[in-house]
């Protein structure tokens, strides 16, 4: 049960990071300084290829750097679908691969404030910062920082378009 709760916590954090990326990309797309960001490219399906970070659990710092292949999924693979619902609101639907099929785990909505993605419903949100590091037609890289009951955590997730 503890492993399942940790996996769901990770999935929720990843989803929030993705939403943050989408919102950051939309803000950056309005800037003349960043011609490589095309907001229309954000919508679609994205598969997690690299998950790096750390968290504290029972007082111990646990670090990871895990690679995935969402086109040939295993039990630990994750993907998400990003869609724009209105001017400054995005929906991110998260999926995990289990029992030889993709299963929906959660849906979140975010707004954009500068380069930060903010959840529409901030209830139960432990992420304090979500930033978009890379956003183009083939790759999204999102960085999340936050704090929960066990301490600080950091997560950098790299996605590829599916």
N, C-alpha and C. Protein backbone atom coordinates (compact mmCIF):
# COMPACT_ATOMS: atom_id res chain seq x y z
N UNK A 1 0.83 -1.19 0.00
CA UNK A 1 0.00 0.00 0.00
C UNK A 1 0.86 1.25 0.00
N UNK A 2 2.00 1.22 0.74
CA UNK A 2 2.89 2.37 0.80
C UNK A 2 3.49 2.66 -0.57
N UNK A 3 3.84 1.62 -1.32
CA UNK A 3 4.39 1.81 -2.66
C UNK A 3 3.34 2.44 -3.55
N UNK A 4 2.10 1.98 -3.47
CA UNK A 4 1.02 2.54 -4.28
C UNK A 4 0.82 4.02 -3.96
N UNK A 5 0.83 4.37 -2.67
CA UNK A 5 0.65 5.77 -2.27
C UNK A 5 1.80 6.62 -2.78
N UNK A 6 3.03 6.11 -2.72
CA UNK A 6 4.19 6.85 -3.22
C UNK A 6 4.09 7.03 -4.72
N UNK A 7 3.66 5.98 -5.45
CA UNK A 7 3.50 6.09 -6.89
C UNK A 7 2.42 7.09 -7.25
N UNK A 8 1.31 7.10 -6.54
CA UNK A 8 0.24 8.05 -6.83
C UNK A 8 0.69 9.47 -6.51
N UNK A 9 1.47 9.64 -5.46
CA UNK A 9 2.00 10.96 -5.12
C UNK A 9 2.90 11.44 -6.25
N UNK A 10 3.75 10.54 -6.75
CA UNK A 10 4.64 10.88 -7.85
C UNK A 10 3.84 11.21 -9.10
N UNK A 11 2.81 10.44 -9.40
CA UNK A 11 1.98 10.73 -10.57
C UNK A 11 1.31 12.09 -10.44
N UNK A 12 0.82 12.42 -9.26
CA UNK A 12 0.16 13.71 -9.04
C UNK A 12 1.16 14.83 -9.24
N UNK A 13 2.37 14.67 -8.75
CA UNK A 13 3.40 15.69 -8.90
C UNK A 13 3.81 15.85 -10.35
N UNK A 14 3.92 14.75 -11.05
CA UNK A 14 4.28 14.80 -12.45
C UNK A 14 3.21 15.51 -13.24
N UNK A 15 1.98 15.21 -12.93
CA UNK A 15 0.88 15.88 -13.63
C UNK A 15 0.90 17.36 -13.42
N UNK A 16 1.17 17.77 -12.23
CA UNK A 16 1.22 19.20 -11.93
C UNK A 16 2.37 19.84 -12.69
N UNK A 17 3.46 19.13 -12.80
CA UNK A 17 4.60 19.67 -13.53
C UNK A 17 4.27 19.85 -15.00
N UNK A 18 3.58 18.93 -15.56
CA UNK A 18 3.22 19.00 -16.97
C UNK A 18 2.29 20.17 -17.22
N UNK A 19 1.34 20.33 -16.37
CA UNK A 19 0.43 21.46 -16.50
C UNK A 19 1.21 22.75 -16.43
N UNK A 20 2.16 22.79 -15.54
CA UNK A 20 3.00 23.98 -15.39
C UNK A 20 3.75 24.26 -16.67
N UNK A 21 4.21 23.24 -17.31
CA UNK A 21 4.95 23.40 -18.55
C UNK A 21 4.07 24.00 -19.62
N UNK A 22 2.91 23.46 -19.77
CA UNK A 22 1.99 23.94 -20.79
C UNK A 22 1.68 25.41 -20.57
N UNK A 23 1.41 25.79 -19.37
CA UNK A 23 1.08 27.18 -19.09
C UNK A 23 2.28 28.08 -19.31
N UNK A 24 3.44 27.64 -18.94
CA UNK A 24 4.65 28.43 -19.14
C UNK A 24 4.92 28.63 -20.62
N UNK A 25 4.69 27.61 -21.39
CA UNK A 25 4.92 27.70 -22.82
C UNK A 25 3.99 28.73 -23.44
N UNK A 26 2.75 28.76 -23.03
CA UNK A 26 1.82 29.74 -23.57
C UNK A 26 2.26 31.15 -23.25
N UNK A 27 2.75 31.38 -22.06
CA UNK A 27 3.24 32.71 -21.69
C UNK A 27 4.46 33.06 -22.51
N UNK A 28 5.38 32.12 -22.64
CA UNK A 28 6.62 32.37 -23.37
C UNK A 28 6.35 32.57 -24.85
N UNK A 29 5.32 31.96 -25.37
CA UNK A 29 5.02 32.09 -26.79
C UNK A 29 4.63 33.51 -27.16
N UNK A 30 4.20 34.30 -26.21
CA UNK A 30 3.83 35.68 -26.47
C UNK A 30 5.04 36.59 -26.53
N UNK A 31 6.19 36.11 -26.15
CA UNK A 31 7.39 36.92 -26.10
C UNK A 31 8.13 36.85 -27.43
N UNK A 32 8.68 37.99 -27.86
CA UNK A 32 9.49 38.01 -29.07
C UNK A 32 10.83 37.34 -28.86
N UNK A 33 11.25 37.17 -27.60
CA UNK A 33 12.54 36.60 -27.29
C UNK A 33 12.59 35.09 -27.50
N UNK A 34 11.47 34.43 -27.54
CA UNK A 34 11.45 32.98 -27.61
C UNK A 34 10.64 32.51 -28.80
N UNK A 35 11.28 32.50 -29.96
CA UNK A 35 10.59 32.12 -31.19
C UNK A 35 10.46 30.61 -31.33
N UNK A 36 11.19 29.82 -30.52
CA UNK A 36 11.14 28.37 -30.61
C UNK A 36 9.92 27.76 -29.93
N UNK A 37 9.20 28.54 -29.16
CA UNK A 37 8.04 28.01 -28.45
C UNK A 37 6.78 28.31 -29.25
N UNK A 38 6.10 27.25 -29.63
CA UNK A 38 4.84 27.35 -30.36
C UNK A 38 3.75 26.77 -29.46
N UNK A 39 2.89 27.64 -28.96
CA UNK A 39 1.85 27.22 -28.03
C UNK A 39 1.00 26.09 -28.61
N UNK A 40 0.76 26.13 -29.91
CA UNK A 40 -0.07 25.09 -30.53
C UNK A 40 0.59 23.71 -30.46
N UNK A 41 1.90 23.68 -30.29
CA UNK A 41 2.60 22.40 -30.19
C UNK A 41 2.43 21.73 -28.83
N UNK A 42 1.99 22.46 -27.83
CA UNK A 42 1.86 21.89 -26.49
C UNK A 42 0.72 20.90 -26.36
N UNK A 43 -0.34 21.17 -27.07
CA UNK A 43 -1.48 20.27 -26.96
C UNK A 43 -1.15 18.94 -27.62
N UNK A 44 -1.58 17.88 -26.98
CA UNK A 44 -1.35 16.55 -27.53
C UNK A 44 -0.93 15.57 -26.46
N UNK A 45 -0.36 14.46 -26.91
CA UNK A 45 0.05 13.38 -26.01
C UNK A 45 1.56 13.41 -25.80
N UNK A 46 1.97 13.29 -24.54
CA UNK A 46 3.38 13.34 -24.16
C UNK A 46 3.70 12.15 -23.27
N UNK A 47 4.82 11.48 -23.57
CA UNK A 47 5.26 10.34 -22.77
C UNK A 47 6.51 10.67 -21.98
N UNK A 48 6.53 10.27 -20.73
CA UNK A 48 7.68 10.50 -19.86
C UNK A 48 8.85 9.62 -20.30
N UNK A 49 10.02 10.25 -20.56
CA UNK A 49 11.21 9.50 -20.95
C UNK A 49 12.31 9.56 -19.89
N UNK A 50 12.32 10.61 -19.05
CA UNK A 50 13.33 10.71 -18.00
C UNK A 50 12.73 11.42 -16.79
N UNK A 51 12.90 10.82 -15.63
CA UNK A 51 12.41 11.38 -14.37
C UNK A 51 13.59 11.43 -13.40
N UNK A 52 13.99 12.66 -13.03
CA UNK A 52 15.13 12.85 -12.14
C UNK A 52 14.68 13.67 -10.94
N UNK A 53 15.26 13.40 -9.78
CA UNK A 53 14.91 14.23 -8.64
C UNK A 53 15.28 13.60 -7.32
N UNK A 54 14.70 14.19 -6.27
CA UNK A 54 14.90 13.66 -4.93
C UNK A 54 13.70 14.03 -4.07
N UNK A 55 13.54 13.28 -2.99
CA UNK A 55 12.53 13.58 -1.99
C UNK A 55 13.03 13.03 -0.66
N UNK A 56 12.44 13.51 0.40
CA UNK A 56 12.77 13.00 1.72
C UNK A 56 11.66 12.06 2.16
N UNK A 57 12.06 10.91 2.67
CA UNK A 57 11.10 9.93 3.17
C UNK A 57 11.65 9.39 4.49
N UNK A 58 10.88 9.54 5.54
CA UNK A 58 11.27 9.12 6.89
C UNK A 58 12.65 9.65 7.25
N UNK A 59 12.90 10.92 6.91
CA UNK A 59 14.15 11.59 7.26
C UNK A 59 15.32 11.31 6.34
N UNK A 60 15.18 10.42 5.39
CA UNK A 60 16.26 10.06 4.48
C UNK A 60 16.01 10.68 3.10
N UNK A 61 17.07 11.22 2.50
CA UNK A 61 16.97 11.76 1.15
C UNK A 61 17.09 10.61 0.15
N UNK A 62 16.09 10.51 -0.72
CA UNK A 62 16.08 9.47 -1.74
C UNK A 62 16.14 10.15 -3.10
N UNK A 63 17.19 9.85 -3.88
CA UNK A 63 17.38 10.43 -5.21
C UNK A 63 17.10 9.37 -6.27
N UNK A 64 16.75 9.84 -7.46
CA UNK A 64 16.50 8.92 -8.57
C UNK A 64 16.81 9.59 -9.90
N UNK A 65 17.03 8.75 -10.89
CA UNK A 65 17.17 9.15 -12.29
C UNK A 65 16.73 7.94 -13.09
N UNK A 66 15.47 7.95 -13.53
CA UNK A 66 14.86 6.80 -14.19
C UNK A 66 14.49 7.12 -15.62
N UNK A 67 14.86 6.23 -16.54
CA UNK A 67 14.53 6.38 -17.96
C UNK A 67 13.37 5.46 -18.31
N UNK A 68 12.54 5.91 -19.26
CA UNK A 68 11.36 5.15 -19.69
C UNK A 68 11.23 5.22 -21.21
N UNK A 69 10.49 4.27 -21.76
CA UNK A 69 10.17 4.27 -23.19
C UNK A 69 8.65 4.15 -23.33
N UNK A 70 7.95 5.29 -23.42
CA UNK A 70 6.48 5.24 -23.47
C UNK A 70 5.93 4.61 -24.75
N UNK A 71 6.78 4.45 -25.78
CA UNK A 71 6.31 3.78 -27.00
C UNK A 71 6.37 2.26 -26.86
N UNK A 72 7.10 1.79 -25.86
CA UNK A 72 7.17 0.37 -25.52
C UNK A 72 7.00 0.28 -24.00
N UNK A 73 5.79 0.56 -23.50
CA UNK A 73 5.58 0.77 -22.07
C UNK A 73 5.76 -0.47 -21.20
N UNK A 74 6.20 -0.18 -19.97
CA UNK A 74 6.27 -1.18 -18.91
C UNK A 74 5.41 -0.67 -17.76
N UNK A 75 5.37 -1.39 -16.68
CA UNK A 75 4.49 -1.04 -15.55
C UNK A 75 4.76 0.34 -14.95
N UNK A 76 5.93 0.91 -15.13
CA UNK A 76 6.26 2.21 -14.53
C UNK A 76 6.07 3.39 -15.47
N UNK A 77 5.63 3.17 -16.69
CA UNK A 77 5.51 4.25 -17.67
C UNK A 77 4.33 5.17 -17.37
N UNK A 78 4.52 6.43 -17.77
CA UNK A 78 3.48 7.44 -17.60
C UNK A 78 3.37 8.27 -18.87
N UNK A 79 2.18 8.78 -19.11
CA UNK A 79 1.97 9.71 -20.21
C UNK A 79 0.90 10.70 -19.80
N UNK A 80 0.75 11.76 -20.60
CA UNK A 80 -0.27 12.76 -20.31
C UNK A 80 -0.80 13.33 -21.61
N UNK A 81 -2.02 13.85 -21.53
CA UNK A 81 -2.64 14.54 -22.64
C UNK A 81 -2.92 15.96 -22.19
N UNK A 82 -2.42 16.93 -22.97
CA UNK A 82 -2.59 18.34 -22.64
C UNK A 82 -3.56 18.96 -23.63
N UNK A 83 -4.53 19.70 -23.12
CA UNK A 83 -5.48 20.41 -24.00
C UNK A 83 -5.82 21.76 -23.38
N UNK A 84 -6.08 22.71 -24.25
CA UNK A 84 -6.45 24.05 -23.81
C UNK A 84 -7.96 24.10 -23.70
N UNK A 85 -8.47 24.52 -22.53
CA UNK A 85 -9.92 24.57 -22.33
C UNK A 85 -10.48 25.97 -22.48
N UNK A 86 -9.67 26.99 -22.23
CA UNK A 86 -10.07 28.38 -22.44
C UNK A 86 -8.80 29.22 -22.55
N UNK A 87 -8.98 30.55 -22.61
CA UNK A 87 -7.85 31.43 -22.86
C UNK A 87 -6.61 31.13 -22.02
N UNK A 88 -6.74 30.99 -20.76
CA UNK A 88 -5.57 30.79 -19.90
C UNK A 88 -5.73 29.57 -18.99
N UNK A 89 -6.53 28.61 -19.43
CA UNK A 89 -6.73 27.40 -18.63
C UNK A 89 -6.42 26.17 -19.48
N UNK A 90 -5.60 25.28 -18.91
CA UNK A 90 -5.21 24.06 -19.58
C UNK A 90 -5.61 22.86 -18.74
N UNK A 91 -5.94 21.79 -19.44
CA UNK A 91 -6.29 20.54 -18.78
C UNK A 91 -5.18 19.53 -19.07
N UNK A 92 -4.76 18.81 -18.05
CA UNK A 92 -3.77 17.75 -18.21
C UNK A 92 -4.37 16.48 -17.63
N UNK A 93 -4.46 15.47 -18.48
CA UNK A 93 -4.97 14.16 -18.05
C UNK A 93 -3.76 13.23 -17.96
N UNK A 94 -3.58 12.62 -16.80
CA UNK A 94 -2.44 11.74 -16.54
C UNK A 94 -2.85 10.28 -16.66
N UNK A 95 -1.93 9.49 -17.21
CA UNK A 95 -2.15 8.06 -17.38
C UNK A 95 -0.94 7.29 -16.86
N UNK A 96 -1.16 6.10 -16.35
CA UNK A 96 -0.09 5.19 -15.97
C UNK A 96 -0.35 3.85 -16.66
N UNK A 97 0.72 3.12 -16.94
CA UNK A 97 0.61 1.85 -17.62
C UNK A 97 0.58 0.72 -16.59
N UNK A 98 -0.49 -0.06 -16.62
CA UNK A 98 -0.65 -1.16 -15.69
C UNK A 98 -1.50 -2.24 -16.33
N UNK A 99 -1.13 -3.49 -16.11
CA UNK A 99 -1.89 -4.63 -16.60
C UNK A 99 -2.07 -4.57 -18.13
N UNK A 100 -0.98 -4.20 -18.81
CA UNK A 100 -0.92 -4.13 -20.28
C UNK A 100 -1.86 -3.11 -20.91
N UNK A 101 -2.19 -2.06 -20.16
CA UNK A 101 -3.02 -1.00 -20.75
C UNK A 101 -2.78 0.33 -20.03
N UNK A 102 -3.09 1.43 -20.73
CA UNK A 102 -2.99 2.76 -20.14
C UNK A 102 -4.25 3.02 -19.32
N UNK A 103 -4.08 3.51 -18.11
CA UNK A 103 -5.18 3.80 -17.20
C UNK A 103 -5.11 5.26 -16.77
N UNK A 104 -6.24 5.93 -16.80
CA UNK A 104 -6.28 7.33 -16.37
C UNK A 104 -6.13 7.41 -14.86
N UNK A 105 -5.22 8.30 -14.41
CA UNK A 105 -5.01 8.43 -12.96
C UNK A 105 -5.57 9.73 -12.39
N UNK A 106 -5.48 10.83 -13.14
CA UNK A 106 -5.98 12.10 -12.63
C UNK A 106 -6.13 13.11 -13.75
N UNK A 107 -6.89 14.15 -13.47
CA UNK A 107 -7.05 15.29 -14.39
C UNK A 107 -6.86 16.55 -13.57
N UNK A 108 -6.08 17.47 -14.11
CA UNK A 108 -5.81 18.73 -13.42
C UNK A 108 -5.97 19.89 -14.39
N UNK A 109 -6.29 21.04 -13.84
CA UNK A 109 -6.39 22.26 -14.64
C UNK A 109 -5.44 23.29 -14.04
N UNK A 110 -4.78 24.05 -14.94
CA UNK A 110 -3.82 25.05 -14.53
C UNK A 110 -4.02 26.35 -15.29
N UNK A 111 -3.53 27.43 -14.67
CA UNK A 111 -3.47 28.73 -15.33
C UNK A 111 -2.01 29.15 -15.38
N UNK A 112 -1.72 30.15 -16.19
CA UNK A 112 -0.36 30.63 -16.36
C UNK A 112 -0.19 31.99 -15.70
N UNK A 113 0.88 32.14 -14.93
CA UNK A 113 1.23 33.41 -14.31
C UNK A 113 2.72 33.61 -14.55
N UNK A 114 3.06 34.37 -15.57
CA UNK A 114 4.46 34.51 -15.95
C UNK A 114 4.97 33.18 -16.44
N UNK A 115 6.08 32.72 -15.88
CA UNK A 115 6.61 31.40 -16.23
C UNK A 115 6.16 30.31 -15.27
N UNK A 116 5.24 30.64 -14.40
CA UNK A 116 4.77 29.69 -13.40
C UNK A 116 3.40 29.14 -13.77
N UNK A 117 3.24 27.87 -13.53
CA UNK A 117 1.94 27.23 -13.71
C UNK A 117 1.27 27.13 -12.34
N UNK A 118 0.03 27.55 -12.29
CA UNK A 118 -0.71 27.54 -11.03
C UNK A 118 -1.94 26.66 -11.15
N UNK A 119 -2.13 25.72 -10.22
CA UNK A 119 -3.31 24.86 -10.28
C UNK A 119 -4.58 25.68 -10.05
N UNK A 120 -5.64 25.36 -10.79
CA UNK A 120 -6.92 26.04 -10.62
C UNK A 120 -7.49 25.70 -9.24
N UNK A 121 -7.39 24.44 -8.85
CA UNK A 121 -7.83 23.99 -7.52
C UNK A 121 -6.58 23.71 -6.70
N UNK A 122 -6.24 24.60 -5.78
CA UNK A 122 -5.01 24.47 -5.02
C UNK A 122 -5.13 23.56 -3.81
N UNK A 123 -6.25 22.92 -3.63
CA UNK A 123 -6.43 22.00 -2.50
C UNK A 123 -5.47 20.82 -2.64
N UNK A 124 -4.81 20.44 -1.57
CA UNK A 124 -3.88 19.31 -1.54
C UNK A 124 -2.66 19.50 -2.42
N UNK A 125 -2.32 20.74 -2.78
CA UNK A 125 -1.16 20.99 -3.62
C UNK A 125 0.08 21.18 -2.77
N UNK A 126 1.11 20.38 -3.03
CA UNK A 126 2.36 20.48 -2.29
C UNK A 126 3.46 21.12 -3.12
N UNK A 127 3.23 21.32 -4.41
CA UNK A 127 4.24 21.90 -5.29
C UNK A 127 4.25 23.41 -5.11
N UNK A 128 5.43 23.98 -4.87
CA UNK A 128 5.52 25.43 -4.68
C UNK A 128 6.02 26.14 -5.93
N UNK A 129 6.67 25.41 -6.84
CA UNK A 129 7.21 26.02 -8.04
C UNK A 129 7.21 25.02 -9.18
N UNK A 130 6.64 25.42 -10.31
CA UNK A 130 6.68 24.59 -11.52
C UNK A 130 7.15 25.49 -12.65
N UNK A 131 8.25 25.10 -13.29
CA UNK A 131 8.84 25.92 -14.36
C UNK A 131 9.05 25.10 -15.61
N UNK A 132 8.86 25.73 -16.71
CA UNK A 132 9.11 25.12 -18.01
C UNK A 132 10.55 25.41 -18.40
N UNK A 133 11.34 24.37 -18.65
CA UNK A 133 12.73 24.54 -19.05
C UNK A 133 12.89 24.42 -20.56
N UNK A 134 12.15 23.51 -21.19
CA UNK A 134 12.20 23.30 -22.64
C UNK A 134 10.79 23.01 -23.12
N UNK A 135 10.42 23.60 -24.25
CA UNK A 135 9.11 23.32 -24.86
C UNK A 135 9.24 23.51 -26.36
N UNK A 136 9.11 22.42 -27.10
CA UNK A 136 9.12 22.51 -28.56
C UNK A 136 8.24 21.40 -29.12
N UNK A 137 8.29 21.19 -30.42
CA UNK A 137 7.37 20.23 -31.05
C UNK A 137 7.65 18.78 -30.66
N UNK A 138 8.84 18.48 -30.14
CA UNK A 138 9.15 17.10 -29.81
C UNK A 138 9.47 16.84 -28.34
N UNK A 139 9.71 17.91 -27.55
CA UNK A 139 10.16 17.69 -26.18
C UNK A 139 9.60 18.74 -25.21
N UNK A 140 9.28 18.28 -24.00
CA UNK A 140 8.91 19.14 -22.88
C UNK A 140 9.79 18.76 -21.69
N UNK A 141 10.34 19.77 -21.02
CA UNK A 141 11.11 19.51 -19.81
C UNK A 141 10.55 20.43 -18.73
N UNK A 142 10.13 19.82 -17.63
CA UNK A 142 9.49 20.56 -16.55
C UNK A 142 10.27 20.35 -15.25
N UNK A 143 10.38 21.43 -14.48
CA UNK A 143 11.05 21.36 -13.19
C UNK A 143 10.06 21.72 -12.09
N UNK A 144 9.99 20.88 -11.06
CA UNK A 144 9.08 21.12 -9.93
C UNK A 144 9.86 21.13 -8.62
N UNK A 145 9.46 22.04 -7.75
CA UNK A 145 10.02 22.09 -6.40
C UNK A 145 8.87 22.21 -5.43
N UNK A 146 9.04 21.65 -4.26
CA UNK A 146 7.98 21.75 -3.27
C UNK A 146 8.40 21.20 -1.93
N UNK A 147 7.41 21.09 -1.06
CA UNK A 147 7.64 20.60 0.30
C UNK A 147 6.38 19.85 0.75
N UNK A 148 6.60 18.69 1.35
CA UNK A 148 5.50 17.94 1.93
C UNK A 148 5.82 17.63 3.39
N UNK A 149 5.05 16.74 4.00
CA UNK A 149 5.24 16.45 5.42
C UNK A 149 6.60 15.86 5.74
N UNK A 150 7.30 15.29 4.75
CA UNK A 150 8.61 14.69 4.98
C UNK A 150 9.77 15.63 4.67
N UNK A 151 9.51 16.76 4.00
CA UNK A 151 10.59 17.70 3.66
C UNK A 151 10.50 18.17 2.22
N UNK A 152 11.61 18.74 1.75
CA UNK A 152 11.67 19.27 0.39
C UNK A 152 11.71 18.15 -0.64
N UNK A 153 11.25 18.48 -1.86
CA UNK A 153 11.40 17.56 -2.97
C UNK A 153 11.69 18.35 -4.24
N UNK A 154 12.30 17.68 -5.20
CA UNK A 154 12.67 18.28 -6.49
C UNK A 154 12.42 17.23 -7.55
N UNK A 155 11.90 17.67 -8.70
CA UNK A 155 11.61 16.74 -9.79
C UNK A 155 11.82 17.44 -11.12
N UNK A 156 12.60 16.81 -11.99
CA UNK A 156 12.80 17.31 -13.36
C UNK A 156 12.36 16.19 -14.28
N UNK A 157 11.34 16.48 -15.11
CA UNK A 157 10.76 15.46 -15.97
C UNK A 157 10.89 15.85 -17.43
N UNK A 158 11.34 14.90 -18.23
CA UNK A 158 11.50 15.11 -19.67
C UNK A 158 10.50 14.23 -20.39
N UNK A 159 9.74 14.85 -21.31
CA UNK A 159 8.71 14.15 -22.07
C UNK A 159 9.00 14.25 -23.55
N UNK A 160 8.53 13.25 -24.30
CA UNK A 160 8.59 13.33 -25.76
C UNK A 160 7.18 13.20 -26.30
N UNK A 161 6.98 13.81 -27.48
CA UNK A 161 5.66 13.75 -28.11
C UNK A 161 5.40 12.33 -28.59
N UNK A 162 4.18 11.88 -28.35
CA UNK A 162 3.77 10.54 -28.79
C UNK A 162 2.94 10.64 -30.06
